[in-house]
Every structure is written in C-alpha cells, then in structure tokens.
C-alpha cells in the first residue's frame, strides 16, 4: 500500500473538513421554498456521499414534499393494513 505524500494527505484532510462544513448548509436547503435549490442541495449531498446516513431523513422528507412525490402519492395505491 502506498502512503500519500504529506502534502497530499494534508490536502485530502482539509477537503474532507470543507465537505463536513457544507453538509448542514445543504441539509437546511432541503427544506427551503425554492425547488431548484432543494434539488441542487440533494445533488450536493449525493456528491458528498460522506453525508449519507445523516441526511437520509431530510432527503425522504424533501421527496415526499416534492411535486413529483405528491403526484406519485395520489397515483399509487395505498396499502390497507386492516385488510
């Protein structure tokens, strides 16, 4: 296994820290009124896959509230647990 040069290792660690700083901002943007900003925030979180599990509830909520999610919820059959 090759060990990265010290400069490369430092740059990678700095980049990782910048990603961590962006995650809360992107998660907050998922709840804004602008759908384009919400879509881009979701894309940003996907790109920063390190956000993965922490952002999943926010992403699910955004999708449920999206125009596409609302349209699908009207068209898909609902499960009937009492049936």
PDB file of N, CA and C in Angstrom:
ATOM      1  N   UNK A   1       0.843  -1.176   0.000  1.00  0.00           N
ATOM      2  CA  UNK A   1       0.000   0.000   0.000  1.00  0.00           C
ATOM      3  C   UNK A   1       0.883   1.233   0.000  1.00  0.00           C
ATOM      4  N   UNK A   2       0.604   2.153  -0.912  1.00  0.00           N
ATOM      5  CA  UNK A   2       1.359   3.392  -0.984  1.00  0.00           C
ATOM      6  C   UNK A   2       0.778   4.415  -0.032  1.00  0.00           C
ATOM      7  N   UNK A   3       1.674   5.087   0.673  1.00  0.00           N
ATOM      8  CA  UNK A   3       1.247   6.144   1.586  1.00  0.00           C
ATOM      9  C   UNK A   3       1.324   7.458   0.823  1.00  0.00           C
ATOM     10  N   UNK A   4       0.255   8.275   0.849  1.00  0.00           N
ATOM     11  CA  UNK A   4       0.302   9.536   0.109  1.00  0.00           C
ATOM     12  C   UNK A   4       1.374  10.459   0.664  1.00  0.00           C
ATOM     13  N   UNK A   5       1.856  11.304  -0.185  1.00  0.00           N
ATOM     14  CA  UNK A   5       2.824  12.293   0.248  1.00  0.00           C
ATOM     15  C   UNK A   5       2.186  13.167   1.312  1.00  0.00           C
ATOM     16  N   UNK A   6       2.980  13.722   2.235  1.00  0.00           N
ATOM     17  CA  UNK A   6       2.394  14.543   3.315  1.00  0.00           C
ATOM     18  C   UNK A   6       1.525  15.687   2.793  1.00  0.00           C
ATOM     19  N   UNK A   7       1.924  16.317   1.688  1.00  0.00           N
ATOM     20  CA  UNK A   7       1.136  17.429   1.144  1.00  0.00           C
ATOM     21  C   UNK A   7      -0.219  16.940   0.647  1.00  0.00           C
ATOM     22  N   UNK A   8      -0.225  15.768   0.018  1.00  0.00           N
ATOM     23  CA  UNK A   8      -1.473  15.212  -0.498  1.00  0.00           C
ATOM     24  C   UNK A   8      -2.394  14.822   0.655  1.00  0.00           C
ATOM     25  N   UNK A   9      -1.831  14.216   1.671  1.00  0.00           N
ATOM     26  CA  UNK A   9      -2.630  13.813   2.829  1.00  0.00           C
ATOM     27  C   UNK A   9      -3.250  15.043   3.491  1.00  0.00           C
ATOM     28  N   UNK A  10      -2.479  16.113   3.634  1.00  0.00           N
ATOM     29  CA  UNK A  10      -2.985  17.344   4.241  1.00  0.00           C
ATOM     30  C   UNK A  10      -4.127  17.924   3.405  1.00  0.00           C
ATOM     31  N   UNK A  11      -3.965  17.947   2.080  1.00  0.00           N
ATOM     32  CA  UNK A  11      -5.000  18.491   1.197  1.00  0.00           C
ATOM     33  C   UNK A  11      -6.285  17.671   1.293  1.00  0.00           C
ATOM     34  N   UNK A  12      -6.156  16.352   1.356  1.00  0.00           N
ATOM     35  CA  UNK A  12      -7.330  15.479   1.470  1.00  0.00           C
ATOM     36  C   UNK A  12      -8.063  15.740   2.784  1.00  0.00           C
ATOM     37  N   UNK A  13      -7.327  15.867   3.868  1.00  0.00           N
ATOM     38  CA  UNK A  13      -7.954  16.126   5.169  1.00  0.00           C
ATOM     39  C   UNK A  13      -8.635  17.490   5.196  1.00  0.00           C
ATOM     40  N   UNK A  14      -8.028  18.497   4.574  1.00  0.00           N
ATOM     41  CA  UNK A  14      -8.645  19.823   4.514  1.00  0.00           C
ATOM     42  C   UNK A  14      -9.931  19.794   3.684  1.00  0.00           C
ATOM     43  N   UNK A  15      -9.907  19.069   2.574  1.00  0.00           N
ATOM     44  CA  UNK A  15     -11.084  18.950   1.728  1.00  0.00           C
ATOM     45  C   UNK A  15     -12.211  18.239   2.472  1.00  0.00           C
ATOM     46  N   UNK A  16     -11.871  17.190   3.208  1.00  0.00           N
ATOM     47  CA  UNK A  16     -12.876  16.465   3.986  1.00  0.00           C
ATOM     48  C   UNK A  16     -13.539  17.394   4.997  1.00  0.00           C
ATOM     49  N   UNK A  17     -12.758  18.273   5.619  1.00  0.00           N
ATOM     50  CA  UNK A  17     -13.317  19.205   6.593  1.00  0.00           C
ATOM     51  C   UNK A  17     -14.257  20.210   5.911  1.00  0.00           C
ATOM     52  N   UNK A  18     -13.916  20.666   4.720  1.00  0.00           N
ATOM     53  CA  UNK A  18     -14.793  21.579   3.976  1.00  0.00           C
ATOM     54  C   UNK A  18     -16.108  20.880   3.640  1.00  0.00           C
ATOM     55  N   UNK A  19     -16.021  19.605   3.260  1.00  0.00           N
ATOM     56  CA  UNK A  19     -17.240  18.840   2.980  1.00  0.00           C
ATOM     57  C   UNK A  19     -18.124  18.791   4.216  1.00  0.00           C
ATOM     58  N   UNK A  20     -17.536  18.518   5.360  1.00  0.00           N
ATOM     59  CA  UNK A  20     -18.318  18.440   6.604  1.00  0.00           C
ATOM     60  C   UNK A  20     -19.005  19.756   6.906  1.00  0.00           C
ATOM     61  N   UNK A  21     -18.325  20.872   6.604  1.00  0.00           N
ATOM     62  CA  UNK A  21     -18.920  22.187   6.832  1.00  0.00           C
ATOM     63  C   UNK A  21     -20.107  22.425   5.904  1.00  0.00           C
ATOM     64  N   UNK A  22     -20.080  21.850   4.726  1.00  0.00           N
ATOM     65  CA  UNK A  22     -21.151  22.063   3.739  1.00  0.00           C
ATOM     66  C   UNK A  22     -22.399  21.249   4.048  1.00  0.00           C
ATOM     67  N   UNK A  23     -22.257  20.142   4.724  1.00  0.00           N
ATOM     68  CA  UNK A  23     -23.390  19.228   4.938  1.00  0.00           C
ATOM     69  C   UNK A  23     -24.562  19.890   5.651  1.00  0.00           C
ATOM     70  N   UNK A  24     -24.367  20.584   6.780  1.00  0.00           N
ATOM     71  CA  UNK A  24     -25.526  21.210   7.435  1.00  0.00           C
ATOM     72  C   UNK A  24     -26.198  22.269   6.555  1.00  0.00           C
ATOM     73  N   UNK A  25     -25.412  22.981   5.772  1.00  0.00           N
ATOM     74  CA  UNK A  25     -25.967  24.001   4.886  1.00  0.00           C
ATOM     75  C   UNK A  25     -26.835  23.344   3.819  1.00  0.00           C
ATOM     76  N   UNK A  26     -26.348  22.261   3.240  1.00  0.00           N
ATOM     77  CA  UNK A  26     -27.111  21.540   2.222  1.00  0.00           C
ATOM     78  C   UNK A  26     -28.368  20.920   2.818  1.00  0.00           C
ATOM     79  N   UNK A  27     -28.252  20.348   4.016  1.00  0.00           N
ATOM     80  CA  UNK A  27     -29.428  19.744   4.659  1.00  0.00           C
ATOM     81  C   UNK A  27     -30.492  20.801   4.928  1.00  0.00           C
ATOM     82  N   UNK A  28     -30.084  21.992   5.360  1.00  0.00           N
ATOM     83  CA  UNK A  28     -31.043  23.066   5.613  1.00  0.00           C
ATOM     84  C   UNK A  28     -31.718  23.495   4.305  1.00  0.00           C
ATOM     85  N   UNK A  29     -30.953  23.529   3.223  1.00  0.00           N
ATOM     86  CA  UNK A  29     -31.501  23.935   1.923  1.00  0.00           C
ATOM     87  C   UNK A  29     -32.573  22.963   1.428  1.00  0.00           C
ATOM     88  N   UNK A  30     -32.548  21.721   1.900  1.00  0.00           N
ATOM     89  CA  UNK A  30     -33.569  20.754   1.502  1.00  0.00           C
ATOM     90  C   UNK A  30     -34.965  21.168   1.942  1.00  0.00           C
ATOM     91  N   UNK A  31     -35.055  22.038   2.922  1.00  0.00           N
ATOM     92  CA  UNK A  31     -36.345  22.439   3.492  1.00  0.00           C
ATOM     93  C   UNK A  31     -36.802  23.816   3.023  1.00  0.00           C
ATOM     94  N   UNK A  32     -36.060  24.442   2.123  1.00  0.00           N
ATOM     95  CA  UNK A  32     -36.400  25.778   1.650  1.00  0.00           C
ATOM     96  C   UNK A  32     -37.554  25.768   0.661  1.00  0.00           C
ATOM     97  N   UNK A  33     -38.062  26.945   0.311  1.00  0.00           N
ATOM     98  CA  UNK A  33     -39.207  27.042  -0.597  1.00  0.00           C
ATOM     99  C   UNK A  33     -38.832  26.895  -2.078  1.00  0.00           C
ATOM    100  N   UNK A  34     -37.570  27.083  -2.416  1.00  0.00           N
ATOM    101  CA  UNK A  34     -37.124  27.056  -3.811  1.00  0.00           C
ATOM    102  C   UNK A  34     -36.777  25.625  -4.217  1.00  0.00           C
ATOM    103  N   UNK A  35     -37.614  25.051  -5.122  1.00  0.00           N
ATOM    104  CA  UNK A  35     -37.404  23.649  -5.503  1.00  0.00           C
ATOM    105  C   UNK A  35     -36.102  23.426  -6.243  1.00  0.00           C
ATOM    106  N   UNK A  36     -35.650  24.389  -7.009  1.00  0.00           N
ATOM    107  CA  UNK A  36     -34.369  24.224  -7.706  1.00  0.00           C
ATOM    108  C   UNK A  36     -33.228  24.160  -6.690  1.00  0.00           C
ATOM    109  N   UNK A  37     -33.274  25.010  -5.680  1.00  0.00           N
ATOM    110  CA  UNK A  37     -32.250  24.981  -4.633  1.00  0.00           C
ATOM    111  C   UNK A  37     -32.303  23.661  -3.868  1.00  0.00           C
ATOM    112  N   UNK A  38     -33.513  23.166  -3.618  1.00  0.00           N
ATOM    113  CA  UNK A  38     -33.660  21.889  -2.914  1.00  0.00           C
ATOM    114  C   UNK A  38     -33.095  20.746  -3.751  1.00  0.00           C
ATOM    115  N   UNK A  39     -33.380  20.771  -5.055  1.00  0.00           N
ATOM    116  CA  UNK A  39     -32.874  19.727  -5.945  1.00  0.00           C
ATOM    117  C   UNK A  39     -31.341  19.755  -5.983  1.00  0.00           C
ATOM    118  N   UNK A  40     -30.785  20.941  -6.051  1.00  0.00           N
ATOM    119  CA  UNK A  40     -29.327  21.068  -6.092  1.00  0.00           C
ATOM    120  C   UNK A  40     -28.695  20.651  -4.770  1.00  0.00           C
ATOM    121  N   UNK A  41     -29.358  20.967  -3.667  1.00  0.00           N
ATOM    122  CA  UNK A  41     -28.840  20.541  -2.359  1.00  0.00           C
ATOM    123  C   UNK A  41     -28.821  19.017  -2.266  1.00  0.00           C
ATOM    124  N   UNK A  42     -29.877  18.375  -2.759  1.00  0.00           N
ATOM    125  CA  UNK A  42     -29.908  16.902  -2.761  1.00  0.00           C
ATOM    126  C   UNK A  42     -28.779  16.359  -3.624  1.00  0.00           C
ATOM    127  N   UNK A  43     -28.554  16.982  -4.771  1.00  0.00           N
ATOM    128  CA  UNK A  43     -27.442  16.560  -5.623  1.00  0.00           C
ATOM    129  C   UNK A  43     -26.106  16.758  -4.945  1.00  0.00           C
ATOM    130  N   UNK A  44     -25.968  17.859  -4.231  1.00  0.00           N
ATOM    131  CA  UNK A  44     -24.729  18.108  -3.494  1.00  0.00           C
ATOM    132  C   UNK A  44     -24.486  17.065  -2.422  1.00  0.00           C
ATOM    133  N   UNK A  45     -25.538  16.689  -1.711  1.00  0.00           N
ATOM    134  CA  UNK A  45     -25.395  15.646  -0.693  1.00  0.00           C
ATOM    135  C   UNK A  45     -25.050  14.306  -1.329  1.00  0.00           C
ATOM    136  N   UNK A  46     -25.620  14.031  -2.484  1.00  0.00           N
ATOM    137  CA  UNK A  46     -25.277  12.785  -3.180  1.00  0.00           C
ATOM    138  C   UNK A  46     -23.811  12.804  -3.586  1.00  0.00           C
ATOM    139  N   UNK A  47     -23.340  13.950  -4.063  1.00  0.00           N
ATOM    140  CA  UNK A  47     -21.940  14.077  -4.452  1.00  0.00           C
ATOM    141  C   UNK A  47     -21.024  13.905  -3.249  1.00  0.00           C
ATOM    142  N   UNK A  48     -21.440  14.452  -2.121  1.00  0.00           N
ATOM    143  CA  UNK A  48     -20.653  14.348  -0.889  1.00  0.00           C
ATOM    144  C   UNK A  48     -21.078  13.112  -0.116  1.00  0.00           C
ATOM    145  N   UNK A  49     -21.053  11.991  -0.725  1.00  0.00           N
ATOM    146  CA  UNK A  49     -21.647  10.778  -0.162  1.00  0.00           C
ATOM    147  C   UNK A  49     -21.287  10.538   1.296  1.00  0.00           C
ATOM    148  N   UNK A  50     -20.319  11.260   1.819  1.00  0.00           N
ATOM    149  CA  UNK A  50     -19.997  11.135   3.237  1.00  0.00           C
ATOM    150  C   UNK A  50     -21.165  11.572   4.109  1.00  0.00           C
ATOM    151  N   UNK A  51     -22.126  12.323   3.543  1.00  0.00           N
ATOM    152  CA  UNK A  51     -23.277  12.781   4.316  1.00  0.00           C
ATOM    153  C   UNK A  51     -24.275  11.668   4.530  1.00  0.00           C
ATOM    154  N   UNK A  52     -24.257  10.709   3.625  1.00  0.00           N
ATOM    155  CA  UNK A  52     -25.140   9.568   3.571  1.00  0.00           C
ATOM    156  C   UNK A  52     -26.180   9.430   4.638  1.00  0.00           C
ATOM    157  N   UNK A  53     -25.919   8.644   5.638  1.00  0.00           N
ATOM    158  CA  UNK A  53     -26.952   8.248   6.591  1.00  0.00           C
ATOM    159  C   UNK A  53     -27.537   9.412   7.373  1.00  0.00           C
ATOM    160  N   UNK A  54     -26.761  10.426   7.676  1.00  0.00           N
ATOM    161  CA  UNK A  54     -27.290  11.543   8.458  1.00  0.00           C
ATOM    162  C   UNK A  54     -28.333  12.353   7.700  1.00  0.00           C
ATOM    163  N   UNK A  55     -28.205  12.439   6.388  1.00  0.00           N
ATOM    164  CA  UNK A  55     -29.107  13.273   5.596  1.00  0.00           C
ATOM    165  C   UNK A  55     -30.308  12.512   5.053  1.00  0.00           C
ATOM    166  N   UNK A  56     -30.355  11.206   5.208  1.00  0.00           N
ATOM    167  CA  UNK A  56     -31.438  10.406   4.630  1.00  0.00           C
ATOM    168  C   UNK A  56     -32.817  10.880   5.088  1.00  0.00           C
ATOM    169  N   UNK A  57     -33.061  11.131   6.373  1.00  0.00           N
ATOM    170  CA  UNK A  57     -34.405  11.601   6.767  1.00  0.00           C
ATOM    171  C   UNK A  57     -34.793  12.916   6.089  1.00  0.00           C
ATOM    172  N   UNK A  58     -33.825  13.831   5.943  1.00  0.00           N
ATOM    173  CA  UNK A  58     -34.106  15.098   5.274  1.00  0.00           C
ATOM    174  C   UNK A  58     -34.424  14.865   3.802  1.00  0.00           C
ATOM    175  N   UNK A  59     -33.695  13.973   3.168  1.00  0.00           N
ATOM    176  CA  UNK A  59     -33.939  13.674   1.758  1.00  0.00           C
ATOM    177  C   UNK A  59     -35.312  13.039   1.554  1.00  0.00           C
ATOM    178  N   UNK A  60     -35.692  12.130   2.436  1.00  0.00           N
ATOM    179  CA  UNK A  60     -37.011  11.488   2.332  1.00  0.00           C
ATOM    180  C   UNK A  60     -38.112  12.526   2.485  1.00  0.00           C
ATOM    181  N   UNK A  61     -37.970  13.410   3.467  1.00  0.00           N
ATOM    182  CA  UNK A  61     -38.971  14.459   3.671  1.00  0.00           C
ATOM    183  C   UNK A  61     -39.066  15.365   2.449  1.00  0.00           C
ATOM    184  N   UNK A  62     -37.905  15.731   1.880  1.00  0.00           N
ATOM    185  CA  UNK A  62     -37.906  16.578   0.699  1.00  0.00           C
ATOM    186  C   UNK A  62     -38.629  15.892  -0.456  1.00  0.00           C
ATOM    187  N   UNK A  63     -38.365  14.604  -0.651  1.00  0.00           N
ATOM    188  CA  UNK A  63     -39.003  13.877  -1.745  1.00  0.00           C
ATOM    189  C   UNK A  63     -40.508  13.748  -1.539  1.00  0.00           C
ATOM    190  N   UNK A  64     -40.932  13.501  -0.316  1.00  0.00           N
ATOM    191  CA  UNK A  64     -42.371  13.395  -0.037  1.00  0.00           C
ATOM    192  C   UNK A  64     -43.083  14.705  -0.313  1.00  0.00           C
ATOM    193  N   UNK A  65     -42.390  15.811  -0.059  1.00  0.00           N
ATOM    194  CA  UNK A  65     -42.983  17.130  -0.222  1.00  0.00           C
ATOM    195  C   UNK A  65     -42.796  17.683  -1.631  1.00  0.00           C
ATOM    196  N   UNK A  66     -42.062  16.976  -2.463  1.00  0.00           N
ATOM    197  CA  UNK A  66     -41.779  17.462  -3.815  1.00  0.00           C
ATOM    198  C   UNK A  66     -43.011  17.341  -4.705  1.00  0.00           C
ATOM    199  N   UNK A  67     -43.079  18.124  -5.778  1.00  0.00           N
ATOM    200  CA  UNK A  67     -44.210  17.985  -6.705  1.00  0.00           C
ATOM    201  C   UNK A  67     -44.323  16.553  -7.237  1.00  0.00           C
ATOM    202  N   UNK A  68     -43.212  15.932  -7.527  1.00  0.00           N
ATOM    203  CA  UNK A  68     -43.232  14.555  -8.032  1.00  0.00           C
ATOM    204  C   UNK A  68     -43.737  13.597  -6.962  1.00  0.00           C
ATOM    205  N   UNK A  69     -43.279  13.772  -5.734  1.00  0.00           N
ATOM    206  CA  UNK A  69     -43.717  12.910  -4.643  1.00  0.00           C
ATOM    207  C   UNK A  69     -45.202  13.034  -4.380  1.00  0.00           C
ATOM    208  N   UNK A  70     -45.715  14.253  -4.426  1.00  0.00           N
ATOM    209  CA  UNK A  70     -47.157  14.452  -4.213  1.00  0.00           C
ATOM    210  C   UNK A  70     -47.962  13.824  -5.347  1.00  0.00           C
ATOM    211  N   UNK A  71     -47.457  13.944  -6.576  1.00  0.00           N
ATOM    212  CA  UNK A  71     -48.152  13.353  -7.719  1.00  0.00           C
ATOM    213  C   UNK A  71     -48.173  11.825  -7.575  1.00  0.00           C
ATOM    214  N   UNK A  72     -47.046  11.250  -7.210  1.00  0.00           N
ATOM    215  CA  UNK A  72     -46.979   9.796  -7.070  1.00  0.00           C
ATOM    216  C   UNK A  72     -47.867   9.299  -5.942  1.00  0.00           C
ATOM    217  N   UNK A  73     -47.925  10.047  -4.847  1.00  0.00           N
ATOM    218  CA  UNK A  73     -48.745   9.595  -3.717  1.00  0.00           C
ATOM    219  C   UNK A  73     -50.225   9.565  -4.090  1.00  0.00           C
ATOM    220  N   UNK A  74     -50.627  10.404  -5.034  1.00  0.00           N
ATOM    221  CA  UNK A  74     -52.021  10.394  -5.484  1.00  0.00           C
ATOM    222  C   UNK A  74     -52.296   9.230  -6.424  1.00  0.00           C
ATOM    223  N   UNK A  75     -51.274   8.787  -7.154  1.00  0.00           N
ATOM    224  CA  UNK A  75     -51.477   7.749  -8.168  1.00  0.00           C
ATOM    225  C   UNK A  75     -51.209   6.333  -7.659  1.00  0.00           C
ATOM    226  N   UNK A  76     -50.349   6.212  -6.662  1.00  0.00           N
ATOM    227  CA  UNK A  76     -50.013   4.868  -6.177  1.00  0.00           C
ATOM    228  C   UNK A  76     -51.089   4.364  -5.220  1.00  0.00           C
ATOM    229  N   UNK A  77     -51.396   3.090  -5.285  1.00  0.00           N
ATOM    230  CA  UNK A  77     -52.389   2.544  -4.355  1.00  0.00           C
ATOM    231  C   UNK A  77     -51.841   2.555  -2.935  1.00  0.00           C
ATOM    232  N   UNK A  78     -52.678   2.851  -2.009  1.00  0.00           N
ATOM    233  CA  UNK A  78     -52.263   2.845  -0.597  1.00  0.00           C
ATOM    234  C   UNK A  78     -52.445   1.441  -0.056  1.00  0.00           C
ATOM    235  N   UNK A  79     -51.500   1.060   0.806  1.00  0.00           N
ATOM    236  CA  UNK A  79     -51.651  -0.262   1.433  1.00  0.00           C
ATOM    237  C   UNK A  79     -52.707  -0.145   2.515  1.00  0.00           C
ATOM    238  N   UNK A  80     -53.457  -1.201   2.705  1.00  0.00           N
ATOM    239  CA  UNK A  80     -54.514  -1.196   3.705  1.00  0.00           C
ATOM    240  C   UNK A  80     -54.154  -2.240   4.762  1.00  0.00           C
ATOM    241  N   UNK A  81     -53.556  -1.767   5.889  1.00  0.00           N
ATOM    242  CA  UNK A  81     -53.116  -2.715   6.909  1.00  0.00           C
ATOM    243  C   UNK A  81     -54.244  -3.500   7.549  1.00  0.00           C
ATOM    244  N   UNK A  82     -55.487  -2.989   7.502  1.00  0.00           N
ATOM    245  CA  UNK A  82     -56.598  -3.719   8.132  1.00  0.00           C
ATOM    246  C   UNK A  82     -57.208  -4.749   7.226  1.00  0.00           C
ATOM    247  N   UNK A  83     -56.781  -4.765   5.956  1.00  0.00           N
ATOM    248  CA  UNK A  83     -57.375  -5.722   5.002  1.00  0.00           C
ATOM    249  C   UNK A  83     -56.722  -7.074   5.109  1.00  0.00           C
TER     250      UNK A  83
END
